[in-house]
Protein backbone atom coordinates (compact mmCIF):
# COMPACT_ATOMS: atom_id res chain seq x y z
CA UNK A 1 -123.43 -72.63 -45.89
CA UNK A 2 -127.13 -72.36 -45.68
CA UNK A 3 -126.73 -68.76 -44.49
CA UNK A 4 -129.07 -65.86 -45.22
CA UNK A 5 -129.21 -62.29 -46.61
CA UNK A 6 -126.31 -60.69 -44.80
CA UNK A 7 -127.50 -57.16 -45.50
CA UNK A 8 -130.04 -57.44 -42.58
CA UNK A 9 -127.00 -57.54 -40.13
CA UNK A 10 -126.22 -53.92 -41.05
CA UNK A 11 -129.28 -52.91 -38.91
CA UNK A 12 -127.33 -52.16 -35.67
CA UNK A 13 -130.51 -51.49 -33.59
CA UNK A 14 -131.76 -55.09 -34.33
CA UNK A 15 -128.49 -56.97 -34.67
CA UNK A 16 -125.85 -55.15 -32.72
CA UNK A 17 -123.07 -52.89 -33.99
CA UNK A 18 -120.70 -55.75 -34.70
CA UNK A 19 -121.69 -58.03 -37.65
CA UNK A 20 -118.96 -60.63 -37.29
CA UNK A 21 -120.18 -63.87 -38.79
CA UNK A 22 -120.17 -67.56 -37.78
CA UNK A 23 -119.85 -67.12 -33.95
CA UNK A 24 -121.31 -70.22 -32.36
CA UNK A 25 -120.62 -70.03 -28.68
CA UNK A 26 -118.70 -68.29 -25.88
CA UNK A 27 -117.75 -68.85 -22.25
CA UNK A 28 -115.65 -67.16 -19.55
CA UNK A 29 -112.24 -68.69 -19.18
CA UNK A 30 -110.58 -66.42 -16.71
CA UNK A 31 -111.12 -63.40 -14.42
CA UNK A 32 -110.52 -61.11 -17.47
CA UNK A 33 -111.00 -63.17 -20.68
CA UNK A 34 -113.79 -64.86 -22.54
CA UNK A 35 -113.33 -67.59 -25.22
CA UNK A 36 -115.19 -67.26 -28.58
CA UNK A 37 -115.89 -70.22 -30.86
CA UNK A 38 -116.51 -70.02 -34.59
CA UNK A 39 -117.70 -72.65 -37.03
CA UNK A 40 -117.02 -72.13 -40.75
CA UNK A 41 -117.03 -74.87 -43.48
CA UNK A 42 -117.44 -77.51 -40.77
CA UNK A 43 -114.35 -76.50 -38.83
CA UNK A 44 -114.37 -75.00 -35.34
CA UNK A 45 -111.83 -72.40 -34.19
CA UNK A 46 -111.58 -70.30 -31.08
CA UNK A 47 -109.87 -67.08 -29.80
CA UNK A 48 -109.78 -65.34 -26.42
CA UNK A 49 -110.78 -61.73 -25.84
CA UNK A 50 -110.80 -59.51 -22.79
CA UNK A 51 -114.12 -58.53 -21.15
CA UNK A 52 -115.05 -55.71 -18.83
CA UNK A 53 -118.03 -56.37 -16.45
CA UNK A 54 -120.27 -53.39 -15.78
CA UNK A 55 -123.50 -52.23 -14.16
CA UNK A 56 -125.66 -49.08 -14.33
CA UNK A 57 -126.25 -47.26 -11.02
CA UNK A 58 -128.16 -44.12 -9.71
CA UNK A 59 -126.12 -42.20 -7.16
CA UNK A 60 -122.62 -41.04 -8.13
CA UNK A 61 -121.38 -41.57 -4.51
CA UNK A 62 -122.60 -45.25 -4.35
CA UNK A 63 -119.07 -46.60 -4.97
CA UNK A 64 -117.03 -44.08 -3.10
CA UNK A 65 -116.14 -46.75 -0.42
CA UNK A 66 -115.00 -49.10 -3.11
CA UNK A 67 -113.05 -46.57 -5.16
CA UNK A 68 -110.89 -45.49 -2.26
CA UNK A 69 -108.39 -47.64 -0.40
CA UNK A 70 -108.59 -47.89 3.41
CA UNK A 71 -106.55 -44.84 3.95
CA UNK A 72 -108.92 -42.82 1.73
CA UNK A 73 -106.21 -41.51 -0.45
CA UNK A 74 -105.58 -43.73 -3.43
CA UNK A 75 -108.16 -44.31 -6.10
CA UNK A 76 -109.01 -47.80 -7.04
CA UNK A 77 -107.61 -48.12 -10.65
CA UNK A 78 -109.59 -51.36 -11.49
CA UNK A 79 -112.87 -49.47 -12.07
CA UNK A 80 -114.03 -46.58 -14.31
CA UNK A 81 -117.09 -44.50 -13.76
CA UNK A 82 -118.83 -42.95 -16.79
CA UNK A 83 -121.68 -40.40 -16.58
CA UNK A 84 -124.51 -41.13 -19.06
CA UNK A 85 -126.61 -38.76 -21.11
CA UNK A 86 -130.41 -38.30 -20.38
CA UNK A 87 -132.54 -37.88 -17.32
CA UNK A 88 -133.46 -41.49 -16.49
CA UNK A 89 -132.47 -42.82 -13.01
CA UNK A 90 -129.54 -45.15 -13.79
CA UNK A 91 -127.31 -42.33 -15.06
CA UNK A 92 -123.87 -43.73 -14.21
CA UNK A 93 -121.99 -46.71 -15.53
CA UNK A 94 -119.31 -48.54 -13.62
CA UNK A 95 -116.98 -50.60 -15.70
CA UNK A 96 -114.40 -53.12 -14.17
CA UNK A 97 -111.11 -54.52 -15.38
CA UNK A 98 -112.18 -58.03 -14.31
CA UNK A 99 -114.78 -60.28 -12.78
CA UNK A 100 -113.04 -60.26 -9.32
CA UNK A 101 -113.34 -56.61 -8.97
CA UNK A 102 -116.79 -56.53 -10.29
CA UNK A 103 -117.92 -59.05 -7.73
CA UNK A 104 -116.02 -57.29 -4.90
CA UNK A 105 -117.82 -54.02 -5.80
CA UNK A 106 -121.19 -55.79 -5.62
CA UNK A 107 -120.24 -57.29 -2.34
CA UNK A 108 -119.76 -53.79 -0.79
CA UNK A 109 -123.38 -52.90 -1.55
CA UNK A 110 -126.05 -53.35 1.10
CA UNK A 111 -129.44 -55.07 0.15
CA UNK A 112 -130.98 -51.54 0.06
CA UNK A 113 -128.25 -50.20 -2.24
CA UNK A 114 -128.73 -53.18 -4.69
CA UNK A 115 -132.11 -51.62 -5.70
CA UNK A 116 -130.16 -48.54 -7.00
CA UNK A 117 -128.27 -50.53 -9.66
CA UNK A 118 -129.18 -52.31 -12.79
CA UNK A 119 -127.02 -55.45 -12.99
CA UNK A 120 -126.97 -58.24 -15.58
CA UNK A 121 -124.72 -60.91 -13.92
CA UNK A 122 -124.18 -63.29 -16.96
CA UNK A 123 -120.78 -62.49 -18.26
CA UNK A 124 -121.42 -63.71 -21.71
CA UNK A 125 -124.61 -61.45 -22.07
CA UNK A 126 -122.58 -58.55 -20.74
CA UNK A 127 -119.77 -59.19 -23.34
CA UNK A 128 -122.35 -59.40 -26.15
CA UNK A 129 -123.97 -56.15 -24.92
CA UNK A 130 -120.72 -54.31 -24.90
CA UNK A 131 -119.36 -55.47 -28.21
CA UNK A 132 -122.56 -55.68 -30.28
CA UNK A 133 -121.70 -59.24 -31.36
CA UNK A 134 -124.43 -62.00 -31.49
CA UNK A 135 -124.26 -65.71 -32.28
CA UNK A 136 -125.06 -67.48 -35.66
CA UNK A 137 -124.87 -64.32 -37.98
CA UNK A 138 -124.51 -65.53 -41.56
CA UNK A 139 -125.63 -69.02 -40.55
CA UNK A 140 -128.75 -71.11 -41.06
CA UNK A 141 -130.21 -73.71 -38.50
CA UNK A 142 -128.39 -76.60 -40.34
CA UNK A 143 -124.92 -74.74 -40.43
CA UNK A 144 -124.42 -75.36 -36.76
CA UNK A 145 -123.69 -78.94 -35.47
CA UNK A 146 -126.77 -80.02 -33.41
CA UNK A 147 -126.65 -83.19 -31.45
CA UNK A 148 -129.72 -85.07 -30.05
CA UNK A 149 -129.30 -87.10 -26.86
CA UNK A 150 -131.63 -89.54 -24.89
CA UNK A 151 -130.85 -91.96 -22.17
CA UNK A 152 -132.55 -95.13 -20.93
CA UNK A 153 -132.12 -96.60 -17.41
CA UNK A 154 -132.58 -100.03 -15.90
CA UNK A 155 -135.80 -99.21 -14.30
CA UNK A 156 -137.86 -101.83 -12.39
CA UNK A 157 -141.12 -100.80 -11.11
CA UNK A 158 -141.57 -101.53 -7.30
CA UNK A 159 -145.22 -100.90 -7.07
CA UNK A 160 -144.46 -97.08 -7.11
CA UNK A 161 -144.70 -94.25 -9.64
CA UNK A 162 -141.90 -93.55 -12.18
CA UNK A 163 -139.14 -91.38 -10.75
CA UNK A 164 -140.03 -92.05 -7.01
CA UNK A 165 -136.64 -93.46 -6.42
CA UNK A 166 -135.10 -90.23 -7.46
CA UNK A 167 -132.74 -89.02 -10.21
CA UNK A 168 -129.70 -91.33 -10.62
CA UNK A 169 -131.06 -94.27 -8.58
CA UNK A 170 -130.77 -96.82 -11.54
CA UNK A 171 -127.92 -97.53 -13.87
CA UNK A 172 -127.85 -96.01 -17.37
CA UNK A 173 -127.94 -98.84 -19.90
CA UNK A 174 -128.45 -96.98 -23.27
CA UNK A 175 -127.43 -93.48 -24.60
CA UNK A 176 -128.85 -92.78 -28.02
CA UNK A 177 -127.25 -89.96 -30.08
CA UNK A 178 -127.74 -88.46 -33.43
CA UNK A 179 -126.91 -85.04 -35.16
CA UNK A 180 -128.13 -83.03 -38.05
CA UNK A 181 -125.50 -84.39 -40.48
CA UNK A 182 -127.42 -87.83 -40.50
CA UNK A 183 -125.02 -89.46 -38.09
CA UNK A 184 -126.51 -91.79 -35.43
CA UNK A 185 -125.10 -94.06 -32.82
CA UNK A 186 -126.52 -95.92 -29.88
CA UNK A 187 -124.09 -96.51 -26.92
CA UNK A 188 -125.04 -99.27 -24.51
CA UNK A 189 -123.87 -101.42 -21.65
CA UNK A 190 -124.14 -104.80 -23.21
CA UNK A 191 -120.40 -105.43 -23.38
CA UNK A 192 -119.01 -102.75 -21.13
CA UNK A 193 -119.53 -101.28 -17.65
CA UNK A 194 -121.75 -98.22 -17.07
CA UNK A 195 -118.64 -96.38 -16.08
CA UNK A 196 -117.11 -97.14 -19.49
CA UNK A 197 -120.46 -96.25 -21.16
CA UNK A 198 -120.29 -92.78 -19.61
CA UNK A 199 -116.71 -92.23 -20.62
CA UNK A 200 -117.63 -93.28 -24.19
CA UNK A 201 -120.42 -90.70 -24.24
CA UNK A 202 -117.95 -87.98 -23.16
CA UNK A 203 -115.52 -89.11 -25.79
CA UNK A 204 -118.17 -89.10 -28.63
CA UNK A 205 -119.35 -85.69 -27.69
CA UNK A 206 -115.78 -84.23 -27.98
CA UNK A 207 -115.30 -86.17 -31.26
CA UNK A 208 -118.53 -84.93 -32.79
CA UNK A 209 -117.99 -81.49 -31.19
CA UNK A 210 -121.68 -80.18 -31.21
CA UNK A 211 -122.54 -76.50 -30.90
CA UNK A 212 -125.95 -77.41 -29.60
CA UNK A 213 -127.16 -80.50 -27.57
CA UNK A 214 -130.96 -81.06 -27.99
CA UNK A 215 -133.08 -83.37 -25.83
CA UNK A 216 -136.75 -83.85 -24.75
CA UNK A 217 -136.87 -82.94 -21.09
CA UNK A 218 -133.06 -82.84 -21.06
CA UNK A 219 -132.86 -80.35 -18.35
CA UNK A 220 -134.99 -82.15 -15.77
CA UNK A 221 -134.05 -85.70 -16.63
CA UNK A 222 -131.25 -86.66 -18.95
CA UNK A 223 -128.47 -84.18 -17.93
CA UNK A 224 -129.07 -84.45 -14.15
CA UNK A 225 -129.30 -88.20 -14.38
CA UNK A 226 -126.04 -88.51 -16.29
CA UNK A 227 -124.42 -86.03 -13.85
CA UNK A 228 -125.59 -88.07 -10.82
CA UNK A 229 -124.45 -91.42 -12.27
CA UNK A 230 -120.99 -89.90 -13.10
CA UNK A 231 -120.73 -88.65 -9.47
CA UNK A 232 -121.48 -92.11 -8.10
CA UNK A 233 -119.02 -93.91 -10.44
CA UNK A 234 -116.14 -91.31 -10.09
CA UNK A 235 -116.46 -90.09 -13.75
CA UNK A 236 -115.62 -86.46 -14.65
CA UNK A 237 -118.56 -85.36 -16.77
CA UNK A 238 -116.27 -83.06 -18.76
CA UNK A 239 -118.30 -82.43 -21.92
CA UNK A 240 -117.56 -78.68 -21.99
CA UNK A 241 -115.43 -77.55 -24.99
CA UNK A 242 -112.61 -76.82 -22.61
CA UNK A 243 -113.18 -80.28 -20.75
CA UNK A 244 -115.05 -78.73 -17.92
CA UNK A 245 -118.20 -80.15 -16.28
CA UNK A 246 -121.61 -78.63 -16.76
CA UNK A 247 -122.72 -75.99 -14.23
CA UNK A 248 -126.28 -76.36 -12.87
CA UNK A 249 -128.53 -74.16 -10.79
CA UNK A 250 -132.22 -74.16 -9.86
CA UNK A 251 -134.53 -71.76 -11.81
CA UNK A 252 -137.91 -71.59 -13.34
CA UNK A 253 -139.67 -70.90 -16.69
CA UNK A 254 -143.13 -69.56 -17.15
CA UNK A 255 -145.63 -70.87 -19.74
CA UNK A 256 -148.68 -68.36 -19.66
CA UNK A 257 -150.36 -69.12 -16.34
CA UNK A 258 -147.98 -72.07 -15.45
CA UNK A 259 -144.57 -71.87 -13.77
CA UNK A 260 -142.22 -74.87 -14.11
CA UNK A 261 -139.21 -75.19 -11.59
CA UNK A 262 -136.21 -77.12 -13.10
CA UNK A 263 -132.53 -77.41 -12.84
CA UNK A 264 -130.75 -75.35 -15.50
CA UNK A 265 -127.47 -76.64 -17.02
CA UNK A 266 -124.80 -74.65 -18.78
CA UNK A 267 -122.01 -76.37 -20.85
CA UNK A 268 -118.98 -74.34 -21.65
CA UNK A 269 -118.94 -73.57 -25.36
CA UNK A 270 -122.12 -75.46 -26.15
CA UNK A 271 -125.90 -74.52 -26.04
CA UNK A 272 -128.69 -76.77 -24.67
CA UNK A 273 -132.19 -76.76 -26.26
CA UNK A 274 -134.92 -78.52 -24.44
CA UNK A 275 -137.67 -79.51 -26.90
CA UNK A 276 -139.96 -80.12 -23.89
CA UNK A 277 -139.92 -76.30 -23.26
CA UNK A 278 -140.33 -75.50 -27.08
CA UNK A 279 -143.45 -77.55 -27.28
CA UNK A 280 -145.02 -75.87 -24.19
CA UNK A 281 -144.27 -72.42 -25.58
CA UNK A 282 -145.84 -73.53 -28.80
CA UNK A 283 -148.96 -74.78 -26.95
CA UNK A 284 -149.40 -71.46 -25.08
CA UNK A 285 -151.09 -70.11 -28.20
CA UNK A 286 -152.55 -73.40 -29.70
CA UNK A 287 -153.87 -75.05 -26.49
CA UNK A 288 -154.47 -78.09 -28.56
CA UNK A 289 -151.86 -80.76 -27.37
CA UNK A 290 -153.10 -83.56 -25.15
CA UNK A 291 -149.78 -84.25 -23.74
CA UNK A 292 -146.18 -82.86 -23.95
CA UNK A 293 -144.59 -86.35 -24.05
CA UNK A 294 -142.39 -86.95 -27.02
CA UNK A 295 -144.36 -89.93 -28.42
CA UNK A 296 -147.65 -88.01 -28.23
CA UNK A 297 -146.25 -84.92 -29.68
CA UNK A 298 -144.76 -86.79 -32.64
CA UNK A 299 -148.11 -88.35 -33.34
CA UNK A 300 -149.84 -85.00 -33.06
CA UNK A 301 -147.49 -83.41 -35.60
CA UNK A 302 -147.60 -86.43 -37.85
CA UNK A 303 -143.98 -87.39 -38.05
CA UNK A 304 -144.17 -90.55 -35.92
CA UNK A 305 -142.89 -93.42 -38.17
CA UNK A 306 -145.27 -96.41 -38.78
CA UNK A 307 -142.29 -98.57 -37.94
CA UNK A 308 -141.59 -96.58 -34.74
CA UNK A 309 -140.85 -98.96 -31.76
CA UNK A 310 -142.66 -98.49 -28.46
CA UNK A 311 -141.61 -99.65 -25.05
CA UNK A 312 -143.54 -98.85 -21.73
CA UNK A 313 -141.24 -97.35 -19.18
CA UNK A 314 -142.30 -99.94 -16.65
CA UNK A 315 -140.92 -102.65 -19.08
CA UNK A 316 -137.48 -101.13 -19.49
CA UNK A 317 -135.64 -103.60 -17.35
CA UNK A 318 -137.45 -106.60 -18.79
CA UNK A 319 -136.83 -105.43 -22.34
CA UNK A 320 -133.15 -104.92 -21.62
CA UNK A 321 -132.98 -108.61 -20.22
CA UNK A 322 -135.06 -110.19 -22.83
CA UNK A 323 -135.75 -107.92 -25.94
CA UNK A 324 -132.47 -105.85 -26.10
CA UNK A 325 -132.53 -105.16 -29.79
CA UNK A 326 -136.03 -103.81 -29.48
CA UNK A 327 -135.01 -101.44 -26.72
CA UNK A 328 -132.04 -100.24 -28.74
CA UNK A 329 -134.43 -99.51 -31.55
CA UNK A 330 -136.71 -97.58 -29.28
CA UNK A 331 -133.94 -95.50 -27.96
CA UNK A 332 -132.87 -94.55 -31.49
CA UNK A 333 -136.37 -93.68 -32.44
CA UNK A 334 -136.47 -91.15 -29.50
CA UNK A 335 -133.55 -89.15 -30.73
CA UNK A 336 -134.93 -89.23 -34.40
CA UNK A 337 -138.26 -87.78 -33.08
CA UNK A 338 -136.42 -85.23 -30.90
CA UNK A 339 -134.47 -84.13 -33.99
CA UNK A 340 -137.76 -83.72 -36.05
CA UNK A 341 -139.30 -81.82 -33.21
CA UNK A 342 -136.30 -79.52 -32.90
CA UNK A 343 -136.28 -78.87 -36.65
CA UNK A 344 -139.97 -77.98 -36.51
CA UNK A 345 -139.86 -75.61 -33.52
CA UNK A 346 -136.38 -74.12 -32.94
CA UNK A 347 -135.95 -72.01 -36.12
CA UNK A 348 -137.56 -68.86 -34.65
CA UNK A 349 -135.40 -69.05 -31.54
CA UNK A 350 -132.23 -69.61 -33.61
CA UNK A 351 -132.84 -66.55 -35.80
CA UNK A 352 -133.72 -64.47 -32.77
CA UNK A 353 -130.27 -65.48 -31.30
CA UNK A 354 -128.76 -63.55 -34.25
CA UNK A 355 -130.40 -60.39 -32.84
CA UNK A 356 -130.12 -60.74 -29.06
CA UNK A 357 -127.26 -60.48 -26.69
CA UNK A 358 -128.24 -63.83 -25.29
CA UNK A 359 -127.07 -67.37 -25.79
CA UNK A 360 -129.24 -69.70 -27.93
CA UNK A 361 -130.26 -71.54 -24.78
CA UNK A 362 -131.28 -68.30 -23.00
CA UNK A 363 -133.24 -67.16 -26.02
CA UNK A 364 -135.23 -70.52 -26.04
CA UNK A 365 -136.23 -70.24 -22.40
CA UNK A 366 -136.88 -66.57 -21.84
CA UNK A 367 -140.05 -64.58 -22.58
CA UNK A 368 -140.66 -61.70 -24.95
CA UNK A 369 -140.40 -59.03 -22.25
CA UNK A 370 -136.88 -60.02 -21.44
CA UNK A 371 -135.95 -59.97 -25.14
CA UNK A 372 -137.19 -56.60 -25.68
CA UNK A 373 -135.53 -55.29 -22.57
CA UNK A 374 -132.24 -56.74 -23.85
CA UNK A 375 -132.49 -54.83 -27.15
CA UNK A 376 -133.21 -51.57 -25.19
CA UNK A 377 -130.21 -52.08 -22.84
CA UNK A 378 -127.84 -52.90 -25.67
CA UNK A 379 -128.69 -49.82 -27.74
CA UNK A 380 -128.77 -47.43 -24.60
CA UNK A 381 -125.34 -48.79 -23.63
CA UNK A 382 -124.11 -48.19 -27.10
CA UNK A 383 -125.38 -44.60 -27.08
CA UNK A 384 -124.13 -44.13 -23.49
CA UNK A 385 -127.72 -43.21 -22.33
CA UNK A 386 -129.21 -43.52 -18.80
CA UNK A 387 -131.62 -46.31 -18.23
CA UNK A 388 -135.03 -45.88 -16.52
CA UNK A 389 -136.08 -47.66 -13.34
CA UNK A 390 -139.09 -49.99 -13.65
CA UNK A 391 -142.52 -48.41 -13.38
CA UNK A 392 -145.76 -50.04 -12.38
CA UNK A 393 -148.07 -50.13 -15.32
CA UNK A 394 -151.74 -49.26 -15.22
CA UNK A 395 -154.36 -50.38 -17.80
CA UNK A 396 -156.77 -47.65 -18.73
CA UNK A 397 -159.08 -49.53 -21.10
CA UNK A 398 -159.72 -53.09 -22.23
CA UNK A 399 -159.44 -54.35 -25.80
CA UNK A 400 -161.37 -52.23 -28.24
CA UNK A 401 -164.20 -54.00 -30.00
CA UNK A 402 -166.28 -52.05 -32.51
CA UNK A 403 -168.83 -53.27 -35.16
CA UNK A 404 -169.06 -51.09 -38.32
CA UNK A 405 -171.35 -53.33 -40.43
CA UNK A 406 -173.78 -56.11 -39.76
CA UNK A 407 -175.26 -58.87 -41.93
CA UNK A 408 -173.98 -60.91 -44.85
CA UNK A 409 -171.09 -58.97 -46.54
CA UNK A 410 -169.55 -59.64 -49.83
CA UNK A 411 -168.30 -60.60 -52.24
CA UNK A 412 -164.99 -60.80 -50.30
CA UNK A 413 -162.21 -62.60 -52.10
CA UNK A 414 -159.42 -62.08 -49.54
CA UNK A 415 -159.23 -59.96 -46.25
CA UNK A 416 -155.99 -59.58 -44.20
CA UNK A 417 -155.32 -57.16 -41.36
CA UNK A 418 -151.46 -56.97 -41.37
CA UNK A 419 -149.88 -56.52 -38.06
CA UNK A 420 -152.74 -54.65 -36.58
CA UNK A 421 -151.22 -53.70 -33.09
CA UNK A 422 -147.86 -52.58 -34.48
CA UNK A 423 -149.51 -50.58 -37.20
CA UNK A 424 -151.85 -48.78 -34.73
CA UNK A 425 -148.92 -48.19 -32.31
CA UNK A 426 -146.85 -46.70 -35.05
CA UNK A 427 -149.66 -44.58 -36.47
CA UNK A 428 -150.30 -43.06 -33.07
CA UNK A 429 -146.61 -42.81 -32.19
CA UNK A 430 -147.07 -44.94 -29.02
CA UNK A 431 -143.85 -45.06 -27.08
CA UNK A 432 -142.67 -45.54 -23.48
CA UNK A 433 -142.43 -42.25 -21.68
CA UNK A 434 -138.86 -43.15 -20.50
CA UNK A 435 -137.61 -44.08 -23.99
CA UNK A 436 -135.61 -40.90 -24.52
CA UNK A 437 -133.89 -42.33 -27.61
CA UNK A 438 -137.22 -43.11 -29.23
CA UNK A 439 -135.92 -46.52 -29.88
CA UNK A 440 -139.30 -48.42 -29.49
CA UNK A 441 -140.81 -47.12 -32.58
CA UNK A 442 -137.65 -47.95 -34.53
CA UNK A 443 -137.61 -51.52 -33.25
CA UNK A 444 -141.32 -51.92 -33.92
CA UNK A 445 -141.10 -50.52 -37.49
CA UNK A 446 -138.05 -52.61 -38.38
CA UNK A 447 -139.55 -55.85 -37.07
CA UNK A 448 -142.83 -55.25 -38.84
CA UNK A 449 -141.00 -54.63 -42.16
CA UNK A 450 -138.95 -57.79 -41.65
CA UNK A 451 -142.11 -59.77 -41.00
CA UNK A 452 -143.75 -58.51 -44.29
CA UNK A 453 -140.63 -59.34 -46.21
CA UNK A 454 -140.58 -62.84 -44.69
CA UNK A 455 -144.26 -63.39 -45.60
CA UNK A 456 -143.69 -62.11 -49.08
CA UNK A 457 -140.66 -64.47 -49.54
CA UNK A 458 -142.73 -67.45 -48.32
CA UNK A 459 -145.40 -66.61 -50.92
CA UNK A 460 -142.68 -66.52 -53.65
CA UNK A 461 -141.24 -69.83 -52.61
CA UNK A 462 -144.62 -71.40 -52.54
CA UNK A 463 -145.27 -70.40 -56.21
CA UNK A 464 -142.08 -72.18 -57.39
């Protein structure tokens, strides 16, 4: 395995209290159990473990109605209440024997009472918070099986803009696939029906058994399109590791000042990475990309092959009818470029997943504030400490700008201000007022040290 230095996983603050290696996915299988998947030496195994949903809350009497039966005599034995240390507002923890009781307790609360609890509804994240486990410990980016997917449809322009007919209006004619082992395959409808094409896709996914499915705009186009065509043709889109269909729900993601609404998909036992999101997060800082389309991005980064085949989307139907081999080559080039883009941009999200109580997909589409909050919640839960309620921040001053010297200065051979903000915050012991465990300085210091170590290692490698 590619792996990494496993000693870093001993840092429980950053990586959680459980350093189990090779976990690649998890999903809920029943009211009381969760299924964990591991990949080691190319083989995938799984086991089932119980989970106990929970939420933090303020008032000790909040759940009195739930804890007592209608007669008011018998205590509800499906829930435990634990008092937490500290003076923050969420000073009690409710723990449930199963998801059904957890949901029933939430249903007893009014809209006003919901503001007095801190609840993370995602069962997998709750399990990771409780156990201190995270995904991908002891693994490198190429130790997981990553499949790339791209579809082409029989689109004929009717004097309108692309997509006006809606998702799923045209038949799927090509599904291009590849993975990080070097395997490639183009499925197409030349000698089979679209229904059989979709069934072949499902079969190939189970055969290759990817931990991660990558695609460019896979959330907003490929997955909902395949799902819609499966519904129309009576095909069960069972690509979950347990044979289940993907779950989808509307949500949004923010890129600096822009917010993008999209349908989020979750596949049991597998992660989804959308390189369309990764490139936009990348460009938040760079502001240099003329377009977020796959072909333009490939050209920008310089990995577009000189032999790359191009077909305009308006010519899809014509190319299928008259230049089929060219269209098949075009589809294969799409997944090859998706693979290269994912290799370039997904590494940081992969290694953050080793730290955070989130799935890889969640890490790739959430902002830094949510990630920092997750580390606080996990550590405060581990120490059984109360959580604070959100405060409204107030900026006292703008950024400090100060000129010490003017003119031509030198001779300067090299100048580097290493991690200025973290260093200033640590020097002045800057910490949130409600951080009673003084966790923030510890997180900041450890991350700063890790950054310096990574930079030193990069320098060493460059000298070889």
